[in-house]
Amino acid sequence: MFAVIKTGGKQYRVAANDQFEIERLAGAAGDSVSFTEVLMVGSTIGVPFVAGATVVGEIVEQTRGPKVISFKKRRRQNSKRTRGHRQDLTLIRISEILTDGKQPSAKAEAPVAAEATDAGAKKAAKAKPAADAQGDEAAPKKPRATKKKAEGDEA
């Protein structure tokens, strides 16, 4: 049996034991992920999603895509710009496709919401250290370095 799921703004055709890369999801290797936005299971087409259908998978690893370089040059204008990008990806292994509201097996007990993105985790991580710094004792600051005057300089 196969299913079509939607995650990261893209659609994927998946079957049990398939491995594929998707946009980054929060979680570590070995965590369970459940996808509830199932567009199609076998010959059942959802409107827009199949009711009671869930696809359960496991995060194999957090990885990154290939480096993409965007180079723009305007000839005879002494103008050029280089930008690079490397997409964060998550390698997923599909463990089972569930229909009719069935629950995941004991192996996949703690599902992680598929909608939680890494951007939300980064915002929370940035906010936390600032709160911790206020509660901790302030570390003593180093004295500023001062310029030494040369023996010949007076003013």
C-alpha atoms as a PDB file:
ATOM      1  CA  MET A   1       0.000   0.000   0.000  1.00  0.00           C
ATOM      2  CA  PHE A   2       1.204   3.510  -0.707  1.00  0.00           C
ATOM      3  CA  ALA A   3       0.193   6.969   0.461  1.00  0.00           C
ATOM      4  CA  VAL A   4       0.720  10.549  -0.647  1.00  0.00           C
ATOM      5  CA  ILE A   5       1.661  12.905   2.192  1.00  0.00           C
ATOM      6  CA  LYS A   6       2.176  16.647   2.335  1.00  0.00           C
ATOM      7  CA  THR A   7       5.028  18.180   4.341  1.00  0.00           C
ATOM      8  CA  GLY A   8       7.254  21.201   3.883  1.00  0.00           C
ATOM      9  CA  GLY A   9       5.017  22.524   1.090  1.00  0.00           C
ATOM     10  CA  LYS A  10       5.715  19.460  -1.063  1.00  0.00           C
ATOM     11  CA  GLN A  11       3.962  16.157  -1.713  1.00  0.00           C
ATOM     12  CA  TYR A  12       5.640  12.761  -1.462  1.00  0.00           C
ATOM     13  CA  ARG A  13       4.496   9.302  -2.560  1.00  0.00           C
ATOM     14  CA  VAL A  14       5.560   6.916   0.198  1.00  0.00           C
ATOM     15  CA  ALA A  15       5.287   3.233   1.060  1.00  0.00           C
ATOM     16  CA  ALA A  16       6.416   1.219   4.089  1.00  0.00           C
ATOM     17  CA  ASN A  17      10.227   1.102   4.565  1.00  0.00           C
ATOM     18  CA  ASP A  18      10.841   3.943   2.083  1.00  0.00           C
ATOM     19  CA  GLN A  19      13.674   6.363   2.901  1.00  0.00           C
ATOM     20  CA  PHE A  20      13.655   9.906   1.552  1.00  0.00           C
ATOM     21  CA  GLU A  21      14.787  13.435   2.374  1.00  0.00           C
ATOM     22  CA  ILE A  22      12.328  16.169   3.329  1.00  0.00           C
ATOM     23  CA  GLU A  23      12.581  19.741   4.583  1.00  0.00           C
ATOM     24  CA  ARG A  24      14.058  19.920   8.076  1.00  0.00           C
ATOM     25  CA  LEU A  25      11.888  18.669  10.953  1.00  0.00           C
ATOM     26  CA  ALA A  26      12.704  19.193  14.612  1.00  0.00           C
ATOM     27  CA  GLY A  27      13.948  16.048  16.334  1.00  0.00           C
ATOM     28  CA  ALA A  28      16.958  13.801  16.733  1.00  0.00           C
ATOM     29  CA  ALA A  29      17.863  10.546  15.028  1.00  0.00           C
ATOM     30  CA  GLY A  30      15.590   7.761  16.229  1.00  0.00           C
ATOM     31  CA  ASP A  31      12.627  10.039  17.016  1.00  0.00           C
ATOM     32  CA  SER A  32       9.219   9.121  15.671  1.00  0.00           C
ATOM     33  CA  VAL A  33       7.307  11.460  13.357  1.00  0.00           C
ATOM     34  CA  SER A  34       3.660  11.239  12.345  1.00  0.00           C
ATOM     35  CA  PHE A  35       2.253  12.906   9.246  1.00  0.00           C
ATOM     36  CA  THR A  36      -1.469  13.628   9.470  1.00  0.00           C
ATOM     37  CA  GLU A  37      -1.785  15.514   6.171  1.00  0.00           C
ATOM     38  CA  VAL A  38      -2.395  12.411   4.052  1.00  0.00           C
ATOM     39  CA  LEU A  39      -3.770  13.286   0.615  1.00  0.00           C
ATOM     40  CA  MET A  40      -4.232   9.735  -0.671  1.00  0.00           C
ATOM     41  CA  VAL A  41      -4.038   6.155   0.614  1.00  0.00           C
ATOM     42  CA  GLY A  42      -4.108   3.422  -2.028  1.00  0.00           C
ATOM     43  CA  SER A  43      -7.118   4.255  -4.177  1.00  0.00           C
ATOM     44  CA  THR A  44      -8.789   6.496  -1.542  1.00  0.00           C
ATOM     45  CA  ILE A  45      -8.455  10.173  -2.383  1.00  0.00           C
ATOM     46  CA  GLY A  46      -8.939  12.737   0.371  1.00  0.00           C
ATOM     47  CA  VAL A  47     -10.988  15.917   0.221  1.00  0.00           C
ATOM     48  CA  PRO A  48      -8.467  17.520   0.925  1.00  0.00           C
ATOM     49  CA  PHE A  49      -7.117  14.916   3.406  1.00  0.00           C
ATOM     50  CA  VAL A  50      -8.069  11.297   4.031  1.00  0.00           C
ATOM     51  CA  ALA A  51     -10.024  11.136   7.297  1.00  0.00           C
ATOM     52  CA  GLY A  52      -8.355   9.021   9.993  1.00  0.00           C
ATOM     53  CA  ALA A  53      -5.216   8.327   7.953  1.00  0.00           C
ATOM     54  CA  THR A  54      -1.748   8.795   9.437  1.00  0.00           C
ATOM     55  CA  VAL A  55       1.716   7.963   8.154  1.00  0.00           C
ATOM     56  CA  VAL A  56       4.279   7.151  10.844  1.00  0.00           C
ATOM     57  CA  GLY A  57       7.997   7.444  10.201  1.00  0.00           C
ATOM     58  CA  GLU A  58      11.325   7.573  11.989  1.00  0.00           C
ATOM     59  CA  ILE A  59      14.059  10.184  11.686  1.00  0.00           C
ATOM     60  CA  VAL A  60      17.192   8.457  10.412  1.00  0.00           C
ATOM     61  CA  GLU A  61      19.448  11.538  10.456  1.00  0.00           C
ATOM     62  CA  GLN A  62      19.570  15.297  10.146  1.00  0.00           C
ATOM     63  CA  THR A  63      21.589  16.195   7.069  1.00  0.00           C
ATOM     64  CA  ARG A  64      22.206  19.007   4.595  1.00  0.00           C
ATOM     65  CA  GLY A  65      21.730  19.228   0.857  1.00  0.00           C
ATOM     66  CA  PRO A  66      24.349  20.135  -1.727  1.00  0.00           C
ATOM     67  CA  LYS A  67      25.877  23.595  -1.806  1.00  0.00           C
ATOM     68  CA  VAL A  68      24.196  25.849  -4.350  1.00  0.00           C
ATOM     69  CA  ILE A  69      26.084  28.929  -5.520  1.00  0.00           C
ATOM     70  CA  SER A  70      24.299  31.840  -7.172  1.00  0.00           C
ATOM     71  CA  PHE A  71      26.748  34.041  -9.061  1.00  0.00           C
ATOM     72  CA  LYS A  72      25.572  37.131 -10.893  1.00  0.00           C
ATOM     73  CA  LYS A  73      27.823  39.318 -13.008  1.00  0.00           C
ATOM     74  CA  ARG A  74      26.997  42.386 -15.011  1.00  0.00           C
ATOM     75  CA  ARG A  75      29.585  42.722 -17.723  1.00  0.00           C
ATOM     76  CA  ARG A  76      31.422  45.986 -18.147  1.00  0.00           C
ATOM     77  CA  GLN A  77      29.772  47.325 -14.983  1.00  0.00           C
ATOM     78  CA  ASN A  78      32.365  46.170 -12.431  1.00  0.00           C
ATOM     79  CA  SER A  79      29.515  44.496 -10.593  1.00  0.00           C
ATOM     80  CA  LYS A  80      29.210  40.940  -9.344  1.00  0.00           C
ATOM     81  CA  ARG A  81      27.526  39.143  -6.477  1.00  0.00           C
ATOM     82  CA  THR A  82      27.986  35.653  -5.066  1.00  0.00           C
ATOM     83  CA  ARG A  83      25.514  34.011  -2.724  1.00  0.00           C
ATOM     84  CA  GLY A  84      25.532  30.480  -1.412  1.00  0.00           C
ATOM     85  CA  HIS A  85      22.849  28.268   0.078  1.00  0.00           C
ATOM     86  CA  ARG A  86      22.743  24.838   1.651  1.00  0.00           C
ATOM     87  CA  GLN A  87      19.338  23.395   2.574  1.00  0.00           C
ATOM     88  CA  ASP A  88      18.793  21.646   5.912  1.00  0.00           C
ATOM     89  CA  LEU A  89      17.187  18.243   5.332  1.00  0.00           C
ATOM     90  CA  THR A  90      15.873  15.326   7.382  1.00  0.00           C
ATOM     91  CA  LEU A  91      16.221  11.719   6.231  1.00  0.00           C
ATOM     92  CA  ILE A  92      13.008   9.829   7.063  1.00  0.00           C
ATOM     93  CA  ARG A  93      12.179   6.109   7.011  1.00  0.00           C
ATOM     94  CA  ILE A  94       8.457   5.315   6.763  1.00  0.00           C
ATOM     95  CA  SER A  95       7.518   2.623   9.294  1.00  0.00           C
ATOM     96  CA  GLU A  96       3.767   2.223   8.723  1.00  0.00           C
ATOM     97  CA  ILE A  97       0.711   3.664   7.025  1.00  0.00           C
ATOM     98  CA  LEU A  98      -2.352   3.742   9.282  1.00  0.00           C
ATOM     99  CA  THR A  99      -5.979   4.119   8.219  1.00  0.00           C
ATOM    100  CA  ASP A 100      -9.354   4.301   9.998  1.00  0.00           C
ATOM    101  CA  GLY A 101      -7.924   6.211  12.984  1.00  0.00           C
ATOM    102  CA  LYS A 102      -5.636   3.379  14.164  1.00  0.00           C
ATOM    103  CA  GLN A 103      -2.875   4.205  16.622  1.00  0.00           C
ATOM    104  CA  PRO A 104       0.851   3.718  15.907  1.00  0.00           C
ATOM    105  CA  SER A 105       2.448   0.511  17.191  1.00  0.00           C
ATOM    106  CA  ALA A 106       4.380   0.461  20.496  1.00  0.00           C
ATOM    107  CA  LYS A 107       7.642   1.101  18.611  1.00  0.00           C
ATOM    108  CA  ALA A 108       6.389   4.551  17.532  1.00  0.00           C
ATOM    109  CA  GLU A 109       4.785   5.719  20.792  1.00  0.00           C
ATOM    110  CA  ALA A 110       5.964   9.339  21.018  1.00  0.00           C
ATOM    111  CA  PRO A 111       5.158  11.011  17.692  1.00  0.00           C
ATOM    112  CA  VAL A 112       6.610  14.427  16.959  1.00  0.00           C
ATOM    113  CA  ALA A 113       4.288  16.872  15.206  1.00  0.00           C
ATOM    114  CA  ALA A 114       5.285  17.129  11.572  1.00  0.00           C
ATOM    115  CA  GLU A 115       4.475  20.836  11.512  1.00  0.00           C
ATOM    116  CA  ALA A 116       7.156  21.729  14.094  1.00  0.00           C
ATOM    117  CA  THR A 117       9.928  23.289  12.091  1.00  0.00           C
ATOM    118  CA  ASP A 118      13.501  24.019  12.964  1.00  0.00           C
ATOM    119  CA  ALA A 119      12.822  27.764  12.773  1.00  0.00           C
ATOM    120  CA  GLY A 120      10.569  27.586  15.818  1.00  0.00           C
ATOM    121  CA  ALA A 121      13.206  25.643  17.726  1.00  0.00           C
ATOM    122  CA  LYS A 122      15.831  28.264  16.864  1.00  0.00           C
ATOM    123  CA  LYS A 123      13.617  31.079  18.174  1.00  0.00           C
ATOM    124  CA  ALA A 124      13.090  29.219  21.454  1.00  0.00           C
ATOM    125  CA  ALA A 125      16.826  28.532  21.765  1.00  0.00           C
ATOM    126  CA  LYS A 126      17.648  32.221  21.278  1.00  0.00           C
ATOM    127  CA  ALA A 127      15.150  33.312  23.920  1.00  0.00           C
ATOM    128  CA  LYS A 128      16.275  30.796  26.558  1.00  0.00           C
ATOM    129  CA  PRO A 129      19.938  31.833  27.049  1.00  0.00           C
ATOM    130  CA  ALA A 130      18.924  35.461  27.597  1.00  0.00           C
ATOM    131  CA  ALA A 131      16.583  34.402  30.422  1.00  0.00           C
ATOM    132  CA  ASP A 132      19.259  32.152  31.960  1.00  0.00           C
ATOM    133  CA  ALA A 133      21.860  34.933  31.907  1.00  0.00           C
ATOM    134  CA  GLN A 134      19.699  37.140  34.115  1.00  0.00           C
ATOM    135  CA  GLY A 135      19.303  34.475  36.812  1.00  0.00           C
ATOM    136  CA  ASP A 136      22.957  33.390  36.907  1.00  0.00           C
ATOM    137  CA  GLU A 137      25.637  35.329  38.710  1.00  0.00           C
ATOM    138  CA  ALA A 138      27.305  37.867  36.491  1.00  0.00           C
ATOM    139  CA  ALA A 139      30.791  36.840  35.462  1.00  0.00           C
ATOM    140  CA  PRO A 140      33.462  39.442  36.235  1.00  0.00           C
ATOM    141  CA  LYS A 141      34.424  41.478  33.199  1.00  0.00           C
ATOM    142  CA  LYS A 142      37.975  41.727  31.981  1.00  0.00           C
ATOM    143  CA  PRO A 143      39.588  45.153  32.293  1.00  0.00           C
ATOM    144  CA  ARG A 144      39.929  47.067  29.058  1.00  0.00           C
ATOM    145  CA  ALA A 145      43.269  47.145  27.359  1.00  0.00           C
ATOM    146  CA  THR A 146      44.813  50.592  27.351  1.00  0.00           C
ATOM    147  CA  LYS A 147      47.351  52.000  24.963  1.00  0.00           C
ATOM    148  CA  LYS A 148      50.807  52.408  26.379  1.00  0.00           C
ATOM    149  CA  LYS A 149      52.433  55.742  25.738  1.00  0.00           C
ATOM    150  CA  ALA A 150      55.816  55.749  24.135  1.00  0.00           C
ATOM    151  CA  GLU A 151      58.511  57.461  26.152  1.00  0.00           C
ATOM    152  CA  GLY A 152      58.938  60.220  23.557  1.00  0.00           C
ATOM    153  CA  ASP A 153      55.179  61.056  23.376  1.00  0.00           C
ATOM    154  CA  GLU A 154      53.949  63.738  25.765  1.00  0.00           C
ATOM    155  CA  ALA A 155      50.571  64.813  24.402  1.00  0.00           C
END
